[in-house]
């Protein structure tokens, strides 16, 4: 039932929804000054290349470049 509720509310699969939440948390950690090499494992990714690819697909920018952006 959880899968169908998440799909109905967000329009995404449960795994996609969770991945996006992890990426948003990673972005917050990077904004706080944490290094990408530490962040990817904190948010549950097993390898940095996989994290970097997923981050870039979602935000359109690499995590390193995201961390180097001036604050808004």
PDB file of N, CA and C in Angstrom:
ATOM      1  N   UNK A   1       0.800  -1.196   0.000  1.00  0.00           N
ATOM      2  CA  UNK A   1       0.000   0.000   0.000  1.00  0.00           C
ATOM      3  C   UNK A   1       0.852   1.273   0.000  1.00  0.00           C
ATOM      4  N   UNK A   2       1.999   1.198   0.646  1.00  0.00           N
ATOM      5  CA  UNK A   2       2.873   2.366   0.700  1.00  0.00           C
ATOM      6  C   UNK A   2       3.291   2.794  -0.703  1.00  0.00           C
ATOM      7  N   UNK A   3       3.652   1.833  -1.536  1.00  0.00           N
ATOM      8  CA  UNK A   3       4.070   2.131  -2.907  1.00  0.00           C
ATOM      9  C   UNK A   3       2.979   2.904  -3.647  1.00  0.00           C
ATOM     10  N   UNK A   4       1.749   2.432  -3.569  1.00  0.00           N
ATOM     11  CA  UNK A   4       0.662   3.085  -4.304  1.00  0.00           C
ATOM     12  C   UNK A   4       0.347   4.465  -3.738  1.00  0.00           C
ATOM     13  N   UNK A   5       0.458   4.642  -2.424  1.00  0.00           N
ATOM     14  CA  UNK A   5       0.227   5.963  -1.816  1.00  0.00           C
ATOM     15  C   UNK A   5       1.285   6.965  -2.284  1.00  0.00           C
ATOM     16  N   UNK A   6       2.556   6.555  -2.245  1.00  0.00           N
ATOM     17  CA  UNK A   6       3.640   7.440  -2.682  1.00  0.00           C
ATOM     18  C   UNK A   6       3.477   7.777  -4.151  1.00  0.00           C
ATOM     19  N   UNK A   7       3.149   6.797  -4.962  1.00  0.00           N
ATOM     20  CA  UNK A   7       2.952   7.014  -6.395  1.00  0.00           C
ATOM     21  C   UNK A   7       1.796   7.981  -6.638  1.00  0.00           C
ATOM     22  N   UNK A   8       0.719   7.839  -5.879  1.00  0.00           N
ATOM     23  CA  UNK A   8      -0.447   8.708  -6.057  1.00  0.00           C
ATOM     24  C   UNK A   8      -0.144  10.142  -5.628  1.00  0.00           C
ATOM     25  N   UNK A   9       0.611  10.304  -4.568  1.00  0.00           N
ATOM     26  CA  UNK A   9       0.882  11.646  -4.043  1.00  0.00           C
ATOM     27  C   UNK A   9       1.965  12.359  -4.837  1.00  0.00           C
ATOM     28  N   UNK A  10       3.052  11.639  -5.168  1.00  0.00           N
ATOM     29  CA  UNK A  10       4.208  12.287  -5.792  1.00  0.00           C
ATOM     30  C   UNK A  10       4.321  12.064  -7.286  1.00  0.00           C
ATOM     31  N   UNK A  11       3.691  11.021  -7.781  1.00  0.00           N
ATOM     32  CA  UNK A  11       3.844  10.676  -9.192  1.00  0.00           C
ATOM     33  C   UNK A  11       5.145   9.954  -9.478  1.00  0.00           C
ATOM     34  N   UNK A  12       5.864   9.576  -8.425  1.00  0.00           N
ATOM     35  CA  UNK A  12       7.145   8.878  -8.560  1.00  0.00           C
ATOM     36  C   UNK A  12       7.060   7.527  -7.863  1.00  0.00           C
ATOM     37  N   UNK A  13       7.945   6.625  -8.268  1.00  0.00           N
ATOM     38  CA  UNK A  13       8.028   5.363  -7.552  1.00  0.00           C
ATOM     39  C   UNK A  13       8.621   5.630  -6.174  1.00  0.00           C
ATOM     40  N   UNK A  14       8.442   4.700  -5.266  1.00  0.00           N
ATOM     41  CA  UNK A  14       8.968   4.859  -3.910  1.00  0.00           C
ATOM     42  C   UNK A  14      10.486   4.990  -3.930  1.00  0.00           C
ATOM     43  N   UNK A  15      11.159   4.188  -4.740  1.00  0.00           N
ATOM     44  CA  UNK A  15      12.625   4.250  -4.790  1.00  0.00           C
ATOM     45  C   UNK A  15      13.106   5.577  -5.371  1.00  0.00           C
ATOM     46  N   UNK A  16      12.410   6.100  -6.373  1.00  0.00           N
ATOM     47  CA  UNK A  16      12.782   7.388  -6.961  1.00  0.00           C
ATOM     48  C   UNK A  16      12.555   8.517  -5.954  1.00  0.00           C
ATOM     49  N   UNK A  17      11.451   8.459  -5.235  1.00  0.00           N
ATOM     50  CA  UNK A  17      11.153   9.457  -4.218  1.00  0.00           C
ATOM     51  C   UNK A  17      12.229   9.468  -3.128  1.00  0.00           C
ATOM     52  N   UNK A  18      12.608   8.311  -2.667  1.00  0.00           N
ATOM     53  CA  UNK A  18      13.640   8.210  -1.627  1.00  0.00           C
ATOM     54  C   UNK A  18      14.978   8.719  -2.148  1.00  0.00           C
ATOM     55  N   UNK A  19      15.318   8.377  -3.386  1.00  0.00           N
ATOM     56  CA  UNK A  19      16.579   8.847  -3.961  1.00  0.00           C
ATOM     57  C   UNK A  19      16.607  10.371  -4.040  1.00  0.00           C
ATOM     58  N   UNK A  20      15.521  10.980  -4.433  1.00  0.00           N
ATOM     59  CA  UNK A  20      15.460  12.438  -4.533  1.00  0.00           C
ATOM     60  C   UNK A  20      15.580  13.082  -3.151  1.00  0.00           C
ATOM     61  N   UNK A  21      14.952  12.482  -2.154  1.00  0.00           N
ATOM     62  CA  UNK A  21      15.077  13.006  -0.790  1.00  0.00           C
ATOM     63  C   UNK A  21      16.532  12.923  -0.318  1.00  0.00           C
ATOM     64  N   UNK A  22      17.219  11.823  -0.638  1.00  0.00           N
ATOM     65  CA  UNK A  22      18.626  11.676  -0.273  1.00  0.00           C
ATOM     66  C   UNK A  22      19.480  12.707  -0.994  1.00  0.00           C
ATOM     67  N   UNK A  23      19.185  12.981  -2.261  1.00  0.00           N
ATOM     68  CA  UNK A  23      19.944  13.975  -3.018  1.00  0.00           C
ATOM     69  C   UNK A  23      19.719  15.386  -2.468  1.00  0.00           C
ATOM     70  N   UNK A  24      18.499  15.695  -2.061  1.00  0.00           N
ATOM     71  CA  UNK A  24      18.216  17.009  -1.479  1.00  0.00           C
ATOM     72  C   UNK A  24      18.950  17.172  -0.151  1.00  0.00           C
ATOM     73  N   UNK A  25      18.999  16.103   0.639  1.00  0.00           N
ATOM     74  CA  UNK A  25      19.739  16.147   1.899  1.00  0.00           C
ATOM     75  C   UNK A  25      21.225  16.330   1.619  1.00  0.00           C
ATOM     76  N   UNK A  26      21.737  15.660   0.593  1.00  0.00           N
ATOM     77  CA  UNK A  26      23.143  15.809   0.208  1.00  0.00           C
ATOM     78  C   UNK A  26      23.433  17.245  -0.199  1.00  0.00           C
ATOM     79  N   UNK A  27      22.537  17.860  -0.947  1.00  0.00           N
ATOM     80  CA  UNK A  27      22.723  19.255  -1.365  1.00  0.00           C
ATOM     81  C   UNK A  27      22.792  20.165  -0.146  1.00  0.00           C
ATOM     82  N   UNK A  28      21.956  19.902   0.836  1.00  0.00           N
ATOM     83  CA  UNK A  28      21.977  20.699   2.057  1.00  0.00           C
ATOM     84  C   UNK A  28      23.315  20.531   2.786  1.00  0.00           C
ATOM     85  N   UNK A  29      23.800  19.298   2.868  1.00  0.00           N
ATOM     86  CA  UNK A  29      25.085  19.051   3.527  1.00  0.00           C
ATOM     87  C   UNK A  29      26.233  19.727   2.784  1.00  0.00           C
ATOM     88  N   UNK A  30      26.195  19.700   1.466  1.00  0.00           N
ATOM     89  CA  UNK A  30      27.233  20.356   0.661  1.00  0.00           C
ATOM     90  C   UNK A  30      27.181  21.866   0.887  1.00  0.00           C
ATOM     91  N   UNK A  31      25.982  22.426   0.959  1.00  0.00           N
ATOM     92  CA  UNK A  31      25.840  23.864   1.223  1.00  0.00           C
ATOM     93  C   UNK A  31      26.398  24.251   2.585  1.00  0.00           C
ATOM     94  N   UNK A  32      26.356  23.328   3.522  1.00  0.00           N
ATOM     95  CA  UNK A  32      26.880  23.584   4.864  1.00  0.00           C
ATOM     96  C   UNK A  32      28.399  23.470   4.919  1.00  0.00           C
ATOM     97  N   UNK A  33      29.024  23.126   3.794  1.00  0.00           N
ATOM     98  CA  UNK A  33      30.477  23.070   3.731  1.00  0.00           C
ATOM     99  C   UNK A  33      31.081  21.685   3.845  1.00  0.00           C
ATOM    100  N   UNK A  34      30.255  20.650   3.874  1.00  0.00           N
ATOM    101  CA  UNK A  34      30.774  19.283   3.930  1.00  0.00           C
ATOM    102  C   UNK A  34      31.363  18.885   2.587  1.00  0.00           C
ATOM    103  N   UNK A  35      32.387  18.076   2.619  1.00  0.00           N
ATOM    104  CA  UNK A  35      33.039  17.625   1.389  1.00  0.00           C
ATOM    105  C   UNK A  35      32.223  16.520   0.732  1.00  0.00           C
ATOM    106  N   UNK A  36      32.217  16.541  -0.597  1.00  0.00           N
ATOM    107  CA  UNK A  36      31.472  15.540  -1.371  1.00  0.00           C
ATOM    108  C   UNK A  36      31.958  14.142  -1.030  1.00  0.00           C
ATOM    109  N   UNK A  37      33.242  14.000  -0.784  1.00  0.00           N
ATOM    110  CA  UNK A  37      33.810  12.687  -0.473  1.00  0.00           C
ATOM    111  C   UNK A  37      33.251  12.107   0.831  1.00  0.00           C
ATOM    112  N   UNK A  38      32.702  12.937   1.678  1.00  0.00           N
ATOM    113  CA  UNK A  38      32.072  12.469   2.918  1.00  0.00           C
ATOM    114  C   UNK A  38      30.558  12.375   2.775  1.00  0.00           C
ATOM    115  N   UNK A  39      29.982  13.262   1.986  1.00  0.00           N
ATOM    116  CA  UNK A  39      28.530  13.370   1.882  1.00  0.00           C
ATOM    117  C   UNK A  39      27.904  12.141   1.237  1.00  0.00           C
ATOM    118  N   UNK A  40      28.503  11.618   0.178  1.00  0.00           N
ATOM    119  CA  UNK A  40      27.839  10.538  -0.564  1.00  0.00           C
ATOM    120  C   UNK A  40      27.540   9.333   0.315  1.00  0.00           C
ATOM    121  N   UNK A  41      28.446   9.004   1.226  1.00  0.00           N
ATOM    122  CA  UNK A  41      28.183   7.854   2.087  1.00  0.00           C
ATOM    123  C   UNK A  41      27.195   8.203   3.205  1.00  0.00           C
ATOM    124  N   UNK A  42      27.194   9.460   3.644  1.00  0.00           N
ATOM    125  CA  UNK A  42      26.244   9.882   4.686  1.00  0.00           C
ATOM    126  C   UNK A  42      24.803   9.775   4.216  1.00  0.00           C
ATOM    127  N   UNK A  43      24.573   9.971   2.930  1.00  0.00           N
ATOM    128  CA  UNK A  43      23.207   9.935   2.402  1.00  0.00           C
ATOM    129  C   UNK A  43      22.845   8.586   1.784  1.00  0.00           C
ATOM    130  N   UNK A  44      23.739   7.607   1.896  1.00  0.00           N
ATOM    131  CA  UNK A  44      23.384   6.243   1.520  1.00  0.00           C
ATOM    132  C   UNK A  44      23.826   5.755   0.160  1.00  0.00           C
ATOM    133  N   UNK A  45      24.711   6.471  -0.520  1.00  0.00           N
ATOM    134  CA  UNK A  45      25.235   5.983  -1.792  1.00  0.00           C
ATOM    135  C   UNK A  45      26.504   5.187  -1.519  1.00  0.00           C
ATOM    136  N   UNK A  46      26.682   4.096  -2.237  1.00  0.00           N
ATOM    137  CA  UNK A  46      27.838   3.234  -1.992  1.00  0.00           C
ATOM    138  C   UNK A  46      29.101   3.718  -2.670  1.00  0.00           C
ATOM    139  N   UNK A  47      28.967   4.368  -3.816  1.00  0.00           N
ATOM    140  CA  UNK A  47      30.153   4.848  -4.526  1.00  0.00           C
ATOM    141  C   UNK A  47      29.977   6.310  -4.908  1.00  0.00           C
ATOM    142  N   UNK A  48      31.085   7.016  -4.935  1.00  0.00           N
ATOM    143  CA  UNK A  48      31.036   8.431  -5.300  1.00  0.00           C
ATOM    144  C   UNK A  48      30.631   8.637  -6.758  1.00  0.00           C
ATOM    145  N   UNK A  49      31.128   7.812  -7.707  1.00  0.00           N
ATOM    146  CA  UNK A  49      30.686   8.010  -9.102  1.00  0.00           C
ATOM    147  C   UNK A  49      29.170   7.862  -9.279  1.00  0.00           C
ATOM    148  N   UNK A  50      28.570   6.900  -8.582  1.00  0.00           N
ATOM    149  CA  UNK A  50      27.117   6.724  -8.675  1.00  0.00           C
ATOM    150  C   UNK A  50      26.399   7.938  -8.091  1.00  0.00           C
ATOM    151  N   UNK A  51      26.882   8.434  -6.955  1.00  0.00           N
ATOM    152  CA  UNK A  51      26.305   9.624  -6.340  1.00  0.00           C
ATOM    153  C   UNK A  51      26.433  10.825  -7.270  1.00  0.00           C
ATOM    154  N   UNK A  52      27.620  11.032  -7.834  1.00  0.00           N
ATOM    155  CA  UNK A  52      27.864  12.174  -8.714  1.00  0.00           C
ATOM    156  C   UNK A  52      26.938  12.124  -9.922  1.00  0.00           C
ATOM    157  N   UNK A  53      26.771  10.953 -10.508  1.00  0.00           N
ATOM    158  CA  UNK A  53      25.897  10.797 -11.674  1.00  0.00           C
ATOM    159  C   UNK A  53      24.444  11.117 -11.309  1.00  0.00           C
ATOM    160  N   UNK A  54      23.967  10.587 -10.186  1.00  0.00           N
ATOM    161  CA  UNK A  54      22.584  10.832  -9.764  1.00  0.00           C
ATOM    162  C   UNK A  54      22.372  12.309  -9.418  1.00  0.00           C
ATOM    163  N   UNK A  55      23.345  12.910  -8.747  1.00  0.00           N
ATOM    164  CA  UNK A  55      23.260  14.324  -8.372  1.00  0.00           C
ATOM    165  C   UNK A  55      23.184  15.197  -9.621  1.00  0.00           C
ATOM    166  N   UNK A  56      24.039  14.902 -10.584  1.00  0.00           N
ATOM    167  CA  UNK A  56      24.076  15.691 -11.816  1.00  0.00           C
ATOM    168  C   UNK A  56      22.785  15.525 -12.620  1.00  0.00           C
ATOM    169  N   UNK A  57      22.226  14.318 -12.637  1.00  0.00           N
ATOM    170  CA  UNK A  57      20.961  14.092 -13.339  1.00  0.00           C
ATOM    171  C   UNK A  57      19.832  14.902 -12.696  1.00  0.00           C
ATOM    172  N   UNK A  58      19.838  14.981 -11.374  1.00  0.00           N
ATOM    173  CA  UNK A  58      18.747  15.670 -10.678  1.00  0.00           C
ATOM    174  C   UNK A  58      18.916  17.190 -10.682  1.00  0.00           C
ATOM    175  N   UNK A  59      20.107  17.678 -10.367  1.00  0.00           N
ATOM    176  CA  UNK A  59      20.329  19.113 -10.225  1.00  0.00           C
ATOM    177  C   UNK A  59      20.925  19.769 -11.473  1.00  0.00           C
ATOM    178  N   UNK A  60      21.437  18.979 -12.414  1.00  0.00           N
ATOM    179  CA  UNK A  60      22.015  19.532 -13.632  1.00  0.00           C
ATOM    180  C   UNK A  60      23.410  20.105 -13.446  1.00  0.00           C
ATOM    181  N   UNK A  61      24.038  19.804 -12.316  1.00  0.00           N
ATOM    182  CA  UNK A  61      25.366  20.314 -12.000  1.00  0.00           C
ATOM    183  C   UNK A  61      26.045  19.290 -11.089  1.00  0.00           C
ATOM    184  N   UNK A  62      27.359  19.191 -11.203  1.00  0.00           N
ATOM    185  CA  UNK A  62      28.068  18.220 -10.374  1.00  0.00           C
ATOM    186  C   UNK A  62      28.054  18.667  -8.913  1.00  0.00           C
ATOM    187  N   UNK A  63      28.182  17.738  -7.984  1.00  0.00           N
ATOM    188  CA  UNK A  63      28.195  18.122  -6.571  1.00  0.00           C
ATOM    189  C   UNK A  63      29.332  19.087  -6.230  1.00  0.00           C
ATOM    190  N   UNK A  64      30.489  18.916  -6.839  1.00  0.00           N
ATOM    191  CA  UNK A  64      31.619  19.823  -6.580  1.00  0.00           C
ATOM    192  C   UNK A  64      31.296  21.231  -7.029  1.00  0.00           C
ATOM    193  N   UNK A  65      30.738  21.361  -8.230  1.00  0.00           N
ATOM    194  CA  UNK A  65      30.360  22.676  -8.734  1.00  0.00           C
ATOM    195  C   UNK A  65      29.239  23.278  -7.888  1.00  0.00           C
ATOM    196  N   UNK A  66      28.325  22.451  -7.431  1.00  0.00           N
ATOM    197  CA  UNK A  66      27.239  22.908  -6.580  1.00  0.00           C
ATOM    198  C   UNK A  66      27.790  23.509  -5.287  1.00  0.00           C
ATOM    199  N   UNK A  67      28.801  22.853  -4.732  1.00  0.00           N
ATOM    200  CA  UNK A  67      29.415  23.342  -3.513  1.00  0.00           C
ATOM    201  C   UNK A  67      30.190  24.624  -3.702  1.00  0.00           C
ATOM    202  N   UNK A  68      30.645  24.885  -4.923  1.00  0.00           N
ATOM    203  CA  UNK A  68      31.417  26.084  -5.214  1.00  0.00           C
ATOM    204  C   UNK A  68      30.555  27.283  -5.614  1.00  0.00           C
ATOM    205  N   UNK A  69      29.245  27.061  -5.728  1.00  0.00           N
ATOM    206  CA  UNK A  69      28.343  28.154  -6.100  1.00  0.00           C
ATOM    207  C   UNK A  69      28.209  29.123  -4.923  1.00  0.00           C
ATOM    208  N   UNK A  70      28.104  30.422  -5.219  1.00  0.00           N
ATOM    209  CA  UNK A  70      27.890  31.373  -4.121  1.00  0.00           C
ATOM    210  C   UNK A  70      26.514  31.159  -3.501  1.00  0.00           C
ATOM    211  N   UNK A  71      26.377  31.370  -2.210  1.00  0.00           N
ATOM    212  CA  UNK A  71      25.055  31.186  -1.563  1.00  0.00           C
ATOM    213  C   UNK A  71      24.039  32.186  -2.093  1.00  0.00           C
ATOM    214  N   UNK A  72      22.781  31.761  -2.110  1.00  0.00           N
ATOM    215  CA  UNK A  72      21.691  32.611  -2.611  1.00  0.00           C
ATOM    216  C   UNK A  72      21.101  33.425  -1.481  1.00  0.00           C
TER     217      UNK A  72
END
